[in-house]
PDB file of N, CA and C in Angstrom:
ATOM      1  N   MET A   1      75.575 166.451 145.859  1.00  0.00           N
ATOM      2  CA  MET A   1      75.041 166.615 144.519  1.00  0.00           C
ATOM      3  C   MET A   1      74.019 165.514 144.249  1.00  0.00           C
ATOM      4  N   GLY A   2      72.973 165.881 143.571  1.00  0.00           N
ATOM      5  CA  GLY A   2      71.933 164.906 143.277  1.00  0.00           C
ATOM      6  C   GLY A   2      72.286 164.016 142.109  1.00  0.00           C
ATOM      7  N   MET A   3      71.612 162.897 142.021  1.00  0.00           N
ATOM      8  CA  MET A   3      71.874 161.930 140.951  1.00  0.00           C
ATOM      9  C   MET A   3      71.522 162.492 139.576  1.00  0.00           C
ATOM     10  N   ASN A   4      70.618 163.460 139.497  1.00  0.00           N
ATOM     11  CA  ASN A   4      70.176 163.983 138.203  1.00  0.00           C
ATOM     12  C   ASN A   4      71.049 165.117 137.671  1.00  0.00           C
ATOM     13  N   GLU A   5      72.009 165.579 138.457  1.00  0.00           N
ATOM     14  CA  GLU A   5      72.862 166.674 138.002  1.00  0.00           C
ATOM     15  C   GLU A   5      73.975 166.141 137.119  1.00  0.00           C
ATOM     16  N   ASP A   6      74.248 166.853 136.048  1.00  0.00           N
ATOM     17  CA  ASP A   6      75.328 166.427 135.168  1.00  0.00           C
ATOM     18  C   ASP A   6      76.663 166.978 135.666  1.00  0.00           C
ATOM     19  N   ILE A   7      77.728 166.459 135.115  1.00  0.00           N
ATOM     20  CA  ILE A   7      79.067 166.830 135.570  1.00  0.00           C
ATOM     21  C   ILE A   7      79.346 168.311 135.332  1.00  0.00           C
ATOM     22  N   LYS A   8      78.804 168.858 134.245  1.00  0.00           N
ATOM     23  CA  LYS A   8      79.000 170.276 133.935  1.00  0.00           C
ATOM     24  C   LYS A   8      78.445 171.147 135.062  1.00  0.00           C
ATOM     25  N   THR A   9      77.250 170.834 135.517  1.00  0.00           N
ATOM     26  CA  THR A   9      76.619 171.597 136.588  1.00  0.00           C
ATOM     27  C   THR A   9      77.399 171.448 137.891  1.00  0.00           C
ATOM     28  N   GLU A  10      77.842 170.245 138.177  1.00  0.00           N
ATOM     29  CA  GLU A  10      78.588 170.009 139.410  1.00  0.00           C
ATOM     30  C   GLU A  10      79.905 170.789 139.423  1.00  0.00           C
ATOM     31  N   ILE A  11      80.628 170.757 138.310  1.00  0.00           N
ATOM     32  CA  ILE A  11      81.900 171.498 138.234  1.00  0.00           C
ATOM     33  C   ILE A  11      81.648 172.994 138.341  1.00  0.00           C
ATOM     34  N   LYS A  12      80.613 173.495 137.680  1.00  0.00           N
ATOM     35  CA  LYS A  12      80.291 174.925 137.765  1.00  0.00           C
ATOM     36  C   LYS A  12      79.979 175.336 139.201  1.00  0.00           C
ATOM     37  N   MET A  13      79.269 174.483 139.928  1.00  0.00           N
ATOM     38  CA  MET A  13      78.953 174.783 141.325  1.00  0.00           C
ATOM     39  C   MET A  13      80.220 174.832 142.168  1.00  0.00           C
ATOM     40  N   LEU A  14      81.152 173.902 141.919  1.00  0.00           N
ATOM     41  CA  LEU A  14      82.414 173.908 142.652  1.00  0.00           C
ATOM     42  C   LEU A  14      83.232 175.159 142.330  1.00  0.00           C
ATOM     43  N   LEU A  15      83.243 175.538 141.055  1.00  0.00           N
ATOM     44  CA  LEU A  15      83.967 176.745 140.654  1.00  0.00           C
ATOM     45  C   LEU A  15      83.390 177.977 141.342  1.00  0.00           C
ATOM     46  N   LEU A  16      82.071 178.060 141.422  1.00  0.00           N
ATOM     47  CA  LEU A  16      81.431 179.194 142.102  1.00  0.00           C
ATOM     48  C   LEU A  16      81.806 179.246 143.576  1.00  0.00           C
ATOM     49  N   LYS A  17      81.827 178.077 144.229  1.00  0.00           N
ATOM     50  CA  LYS A  17      82.184 178.027 145.653  1.00  0.00           C
ATOM     51  C   LYS A  17      83.584 178.545 145.893  1.00  0.00           C
ATOM     52  N   LYS A  18      84.482 178.317 144.945  1.00  0.00           N
ATOM     53  CA  LYS A  18      85.879 178.725 145.097  1.00  0.00           C
ATOM     54  C   LYS A  18      86.213 180.027 144.363  1.00  0.00           C
ATOM     55  N   CYS A  19      85.195 180.647 143.748  1.00  0.00           N
ATOM     56  CA  CYS A  19      85.386 181.897 142.996  1.00  0.00           C
ATOM     57  C   CYS A  19      86.428 181.750 141.888  1.00  0.00           C
ATOM     58  N   TRP A  20      86.354 180.636 141.177  1.00  0.00           N
ATOM     59  CA  TRP A  20      87.245 180.358 140.048  1.00  0.00           C
ATOM     60  C   TRP A  20      86.444 180.439 138.759  1.00  0.00           C
ATOM     61  N   THR A  21      87.140 180.724 137.654  1.00  0.00           N
ATOM     62  CA  THR A  21      86.522 180.657 136.328  1.00  0.00           C
ATOM     63  C   THR A  21      86.943 179.346 135.668  1.00  0.00           C
ATOM     64  N   GLN A  22      86.204 178.959 134.638  1.00  0.00           N
ATOM     65  CA  GLN A  22      86.593 177.760 133.889  1.00  0.00           C
ATOM     66  C   GLN A  22      87.927 177.980 133.204  1.00  0.00           C
ATOM     67  N   GLU A  23      88.183 179.193 132.787  1.00  0.00           N
ATOM     68  CA  GLU A  23      89.462 179.503 132.134  1.00  0.00           C
ATOM     69  C   GLU A  23      90.626 179.305 133.103  1.00  0.00           C
ATOM     70  N   LYS A  24      90.470 179.786 134.327  1.00  0.00           N
ATOM     71  CA  LYS A  24      91.520 179.616 135.337  1.00  0.00           C
ATOM     72  C   LYS A  24      91.732 178.136 135.632  1.00  0.00           C
ATOM     73  N   LEU A  25      90.641 177.385 135.747  1.00  0.00           N
ATOM     74  CA  LEU A  25      90.740 175.951 135.985  1.00  0.00           C
ATOM     75  C   LEU A  25      91.436 175.265 134.818  1.00  0.00           C
ATOM     76  N   ALA A  26      91.088 175.640 133.602  1.00  0.00           N
ATOM     77  CA  ALA A  26      91.716 175.048 132.412  1.00  0.00           C
ATOM     78  C   ALA A  26      93.219 175.314 132.408  1.00  0.00           C
ATOM     79  N   GLN A  27      93.617 176.515 132.771  1.00  0.00           N
ATOM     80  CA  GLN A  27      95.047 176.852 132.821  1.00  0.00           C
ATOM     81  C   GLN A  27      95.772 175.981 133.844  1.00  0.00           C
ATOM     82  N   GLU A  28      95.149 175.796 135.005  1.00  0.00           N
ATOM     83  CA  GLU A  28      95.781 174.974 136.045  1.00  0.00           C
ATOM     84  C   GLU A  28      95.844 173.508 135.624  1.00  0.00           C
ATOM     85  N   LEU A  29      94.794 173.020 134.972  1.00  0.00           N
ATOM     86  CA  LEU A  29      94.819 171.650 134.445  1.00  0.00           C
ATOM     87  C   LEU A  29      95.967 171.487 133.455  1.00  0.00           C
ATOM     88  N   GLY A  30      96.127 172.465 132.587  1.00  0.00           N
ATOM     89  CA  GLY A  30      97.202 172.430 131.605  1.00  0.00           C
ATOM     90  C   GLY A  30      98.570 172.366 132.251  1.00  0.00           C
ATOM     91  N   LYS A  31      98.759 173.149 133.309  1.00  0.00           N
ATOM     92  CA  LYS A  31     100.040 173.135 134.023  1.00  0.00           C
ATOM     93  C   LYS A  31     100.307 171.761 134.634  1.00  0.00           C
ATOM     94  N   ARG A  32      99.304 171.218 135.290  1.00  0.00           N
ATOM     95  CA  ARG A  32      99.497 169.955 136.007  1.00  0.00           C
ATOM     96  C   ARG A  32      99.627 168.757 135.074  1.00  0.00           C
ATOM     97  N   LEU A  33      98.949 168.810 133.924  1.00  0.00           N
ATOM     98  CA  LEU A  33      99.008 167.690 132.981  1.00  0.00           C
ATOM     99  C   LEU A  33     100.051 167.905 131.892  1.00  0.00           C
ATOM    100  N   ASN A  34     100.678 169.082 131.912  1.00  0.00           N
ATOM    101  CA  ASN A  34     101.695 169.429 130.939  1.00  0.00           C
ATOM    102  C   ASN A  34     101.183 169.315 129.505  1.00  0.00           C
ATOM    103  N   LYS A  35      99.981 169.853 129.302  1.00  0.00           N
ATOM    104  CA  LYS A  35      99.423 169.922 127.951  1.00  0.00           C
ATOM    105  C   LYS A  35      98.501 171.118 127.857  1.00  0.00           C
ATOM    106  N   LYS A  36      98.171 171.492 126.639  1.00  0.00           N
ATOM    107  CA  LYS A  36      97.358 172.688 126.432  1.00  0.00           C
ATOM    108  C   LYS A  36      95.896 172.432 126.752  1.00  0.00           C
ATOM    109  N   TYR A  37      95.367 173.232 127.622  1.00  0.00           N
ATOM    110  CA  TYR A  37      93.951 173.222 127.964  1.00  0.00           C
ATOM    111  C   TYR A  37      93.435 174.638 127.783  1.00  0.00           C
ATOM    112  N   THR A  38      92.259 174.780 127.256  1.00  0.00           N
ATOM    113  CA  THR A  38      91.633 176.091 127.183  1.00  0.00           C
ATOM    114  C   THR A  38      90.263 175.992 127.845  1.00  0.00           C
ATOM    115  N   GLY A  39      89.711 177.137 128.154  1.00  0.00           N
ATOM    116  CA  GLY A  39      88.362 177.159 128.709  1.00  0.00           C
ATOM    117  C   GLY A  39      87.378 176.511 127.760  1.00  0.00           C
ATOM    118  N   ASN A  40      87.551 176.733 126.459  1.00  0.00           N
ATOM    119  CA  ASN A  40      86.648 176.153 125.461  1.00  0.00           C
ATOM    120  C   ASN A  40      86.773 174.629 125.418  1.00  0.00           C
ATOM    121  N   ASN A  41      88.002 174.118 125.492  1.00  0.00           N
ATOM    122  CA  ASN A  41      88.198 172.661 125.501  1.00  0.00           C
ATOM    123  C   ASN A  41      87.511 172.036 126.706  1.00  0.00           C
ATOM    124  N   LEU A  42      87.698 172.662 127.869  1.00  0.00           N
ATOM    125  CA  LEU A  42      87.091 172.159 129.093  1.00  0.00           C
ATOM    126  C   LEU A  42      85.569 172.222 129.002  1.00  0.00           C
ATOM    127  N   THR A  43      85.052 173.320 128.493  1.00  0.00           N
ATOM    128  CA  THR A  43      83.597 173.463 128.333  1.00  0.00           C
ATOM    129  C   THR A  43      83.041 172.356 127.450  1.00  0.00           C
ATOM    130  N   LYS A  44      83.721 172.073 126.342  1.00  0.00           N
ATOM    131  CA  LYS A  44      83.254 171.024 125.426  1.00  0.00           C
ATOM    132  C   LYS A  44      83.264 169.654 126.110  1.00  0.00           C
ATOM    133  N   LYS A  45      84.345 169.350 126.836  1.00  0.00           N
ATOM    134  CA  LYS A  45      84.420 168.061 127.539  1.00  0.00           C
ATOM    135  C   LYS A  45      83.306 167.924 128.570  1.00  0.00           C
ATOM    136  N   LEU A  46      83.015 169.013 129.272  1.00  0.00           N
ATOM    137  CA  LEU A  46      81.958 168.979 130.274  1.00  0.00           C
ATOM    138  C   LEU A  46      80.578 168.874 129.627  1.00  0.00           C
ATOM    139  N   ARG A  47      80.373 169.614 128.551  1.00  0.00           N
ATOM    140  CA  ARG A  47      79.073 169.614 127.867  1.00  0.00           C
ATOM    141  C   ARG A  47      78.760 168.251 127.256  1.00  0.00           C
ATOM    142  N   THR A  48      79.772 167.623 126.677  1.00  0.00           N
ATOM    143  CA  THR A  48      79.556 166.335 126.017  1.00  0.00           C
ATOM    144  C   THR A  48      79.796 165.154 126.954  1.00  0.00           C
ATOM    145  N   GLU A  49      80.174 165.471 128.196  1.00  0.00           N
ATOM    146  CA  GLU A  49      80.456 164.465 129.222  1.00  0.00           C
ATOM    147  C   GLU A  49      81.499 163.446 128.752  1.00  0.00           C
ATOM    148  N   THR A  50      82.556 163.969 128.123  1.00  0.00           N
ATOM    149  CA  THR A  50      83.655 163.127 127.664  1.00  0.00           C
ATOM    150  C   THR A  50      84.919 163.331 128.498  1.00  0.00           C
ATOM    151  N   ILE A  51      84.792 164.039 129.593  1.00  0.00           N
ATOM    152  CA  ILE A  51      85.939 164.290 130.461  1.00  0.00           C
ATOM    153  C   ILE A  51      86.330 162.984 131.157  1.00  0.00           C
ATOM    154  N   GLN A  52      87.616 162.756 131.286  1.00  0.00           N
ATOM    155  CA  GLN A  52      88.109 161.519 131.895  1.00  0.00           C
ATOM    156  C   GLN A  52      88.039 161.612 133.419  1.00  0.00           C
ATOM    157  N   TYR A  53      87.899 160.452 134.045  1.00  0.00           N
ATOM    158  CA  TYR A  53      87.822 160.411 135.506  1.00  0.00           C
ATOM    159  C   TYR A  53      89.083 160.985 136.148  1.00  0.00           C
ATOM    160  N   ARG A  54      90.239 160.721 135.562  1.00  0.00           N
ATOM    161  CA  ARG A  54      91.474 161.270 136.147  1.00  0.00           C
ATOM    162  C   ARG A  54      91.455 162.800 136.104  1.00  0.00           C
ATOM    163  N   GLU A  55      90.813 163.377 135.085  1.00  0.00           N
ATOM    164  CA  GLU A  55      90.684 164.834 135.012  1.00  0.00           C
ATOM    165  C   GLU A  55      89.733 165.343 136.099  1.00  0.00           C
ATOM    166  N   ILE A  56      88.676 164.591 136.347  1.00  0.00           N
ATOM    167  CA  ILE A  56      87.736 164.963 137.400  1.00  0.00           C
ATOM    168  C   ILE A  56      88.441 164.925 138.758  1.00  0.00           C
ATOM    169  N   LYS A  57      89.243 163.879 138.994  1.00  0.00           N
ATOM    170  CA  LYS A  57      89.988 163.789 140.255  1.00  0.00           C
ATOM    171  C   LYS A  57      90.956 164.965 140.388  1.00  0.00           C
ATOM    172  N   LEU A  58      91.594 165.339 139.300  1.00  0.00           N
ATOM    173  CA  LEU A  58      92.534 166.453 139.327  1.00  0.00           C
ATOM    174  C   LEU A  58      91.802 167.770 139.574  1.00  0.00           C
ATOM    175  N   ILE A  59      90.652 167.951 138.962  1.00  0.00           N
ATOM    176  CA  ILE A  59      89.846 169.155 139.196  1.00  0.00           C
ATOM    177  C   ILE A  59      89.488 169.255 140.675  1.00  0.00           C
ATOM    178  N   ALA A  60      89.050 168.152 141.252  1.00  0.00           N
ATOM    179  CA  ALA A  60      88.708 168.142 142.677  1.00  0.00           C
ATOM    180  C   ALA A  60      89.926 168.538 143.508  1.00  0.00           C
ATOM    181  N   ASP A  61      91.086 167.990 143.182  1.00  0.00           N
ATOM    182  CA  ASP A  61      92.303 168.302 143.913  1.00  0.00           C
ATOM    183  C   ASP A  61      92.673 169.773 143.770  1.00  0.00           C
ATOM    184  N   ILE A  62      92.621 170.283 142.562  1.00  0.00           N
ATOM    185  CA  ILE A  62      92.956 171.688 142.308  1.00  0.00           C
ATOM    186  C   ILE A  62      92.060 172.611 143.133  1.00  0.00           C
ATOM    187  N   LEU A  63      90.775 172.277 143.197  1.00  0.00           N
ATOM    188  CA  LEU A  63      89.812 173.128 143.895  1.00  0.00           C
ATOM    189  C   LEU A  63      89.735 172.838 145.393  1.00  0.00           C
ATOM    190  N   GLY A  64      90.466 171.824 145.849  1.00  0.00           N
ATOM    191  CA  GLY A  64      90.496 171.538 147.274  1.00  0.00           C
ATOM    192  C   GLY A  64      89.350 170.672 147.775  1.00  0.00           C
ATOM    193  N   PHE A  65      88.825 169.823 146.912  1.00  0.00           N
ATOM    194  CA  PHE A  65      87.741 168.920 147.291  1.00  0.00           C
ATOM    195  C   PHE A  65      88.222 167.477 147.210  1.00  0.00           C
ATOM    196  N   ASP A  66      87.548 166.609 147.966  1.00  0.00           N
ATOM    197  CA  ASP A  66      87.786 165.174 147.893  1.00  0.00           C
ATOM    198  C   ASP A  66      86.593 164.524 147.212  1.00  0.00           C
ATOM    199  N   ILE A  67      86.857 163.472 146.472  1.00  0.00           N
ATOM    200  CA  ILE A  67      85.793 162.658 145.897  1.00  0.00           C
ATOM    201  C   ILE A  67      85.633 161.458 146.819  1.00  0.00           C
ATOM    202  N   GLU A  68      84.409 161.217 147.218  1.00  0.00           N
ATOM    203  CA  GLU A  68      84.168 160.139 148.171  1.00  0.00           C
ATOM    204  C   GLU A  68      83.033 159.260 147.686  1.00  0.00           C
ATOM    205  N   PHE A  69      83.236 157.964 147.760  1.00  0.00           N
ATOM    206  CA  PHE A  69      82.183 157.009 147.453  1.00  0.00           C
ATOM    207  C   PHE A  69      81.613 156.523 148.776  1.00  0.00           C
ATOM    208  N   LYS A  70      80.306 156.613 148.907  1.00  0.00           N
ATOM    209  CA  LYS A  70      79.651 156.175 150.135  1.00  0.00           C
ATOM    210  C   LYS A  70      78.782 154.974 149.840  1.00  0.00           C
ATOM    211  N   ASP A  71      78.826 154.026 150.722  1.00  0.00           N
ATOM    212  CA  ASP A  71      77.995 152.838 150.604  1.00  0.00           C
ATOM    213  C   ASP A  71      76.580 153.212 151.049  1.00  0.00           C
ATOM    214  N   ARG A  72      75.639 153.212 150.127  1.00  0.00           N
ATOM    215  CA  ARG A  72      74.266 153.586 150.444  1.00  0.00           C
ATOM    216  C   ARG A  72      73.624 152.607 151.427  1.00  0.00           C
ATOM    217  N   ASP A  73      74.103 151.396 151.486  1.00  0.00           N
ATOM    218  CA  ASP A  73      73.528 150.399 152.380  1.00  0.00           C
ATOM    219  C   ASP A  73      73.896 150.645 153.839  1.00  0.00           C
ATOM    220  N   LEU A  74      74.867 151.515 154.075  1.00  0.00           N
ATOM    221  CA  LEU A  74      75.310 151.784 155.448  1.00  0.00           C
ATOM    222  C   LEU A  74      74.667 153.010 156.075  1.00  0.00           C
ATOM    223  N   LYS A  75      73.644 153.565 155.447  1.00  0.00           N
ATOM    224  CA  LYS A  75      72.979 154.770 155.985  1.00  0.00           C
ATOM    225  C   LYS A  75      72.134 154.431 157.165  1.00  0.00           C
TER     226      LYS A  75
END
């Protein structure tokens, strides 16, 4: 993902790769965090970029992705 892409776009791209909807992702987040999540709540968090990092890590886990930090100086 490029530096100019926002989190909303990145999550949407991941959802497309896995053929998931935001609603399905919201339901799974709700199950794992034991709280109510809706597609609208998730959309708002992504649009306003107020989603927490732990939620991003959980989204990656749910969708089967790893988050990796790479040292740019080692290229």
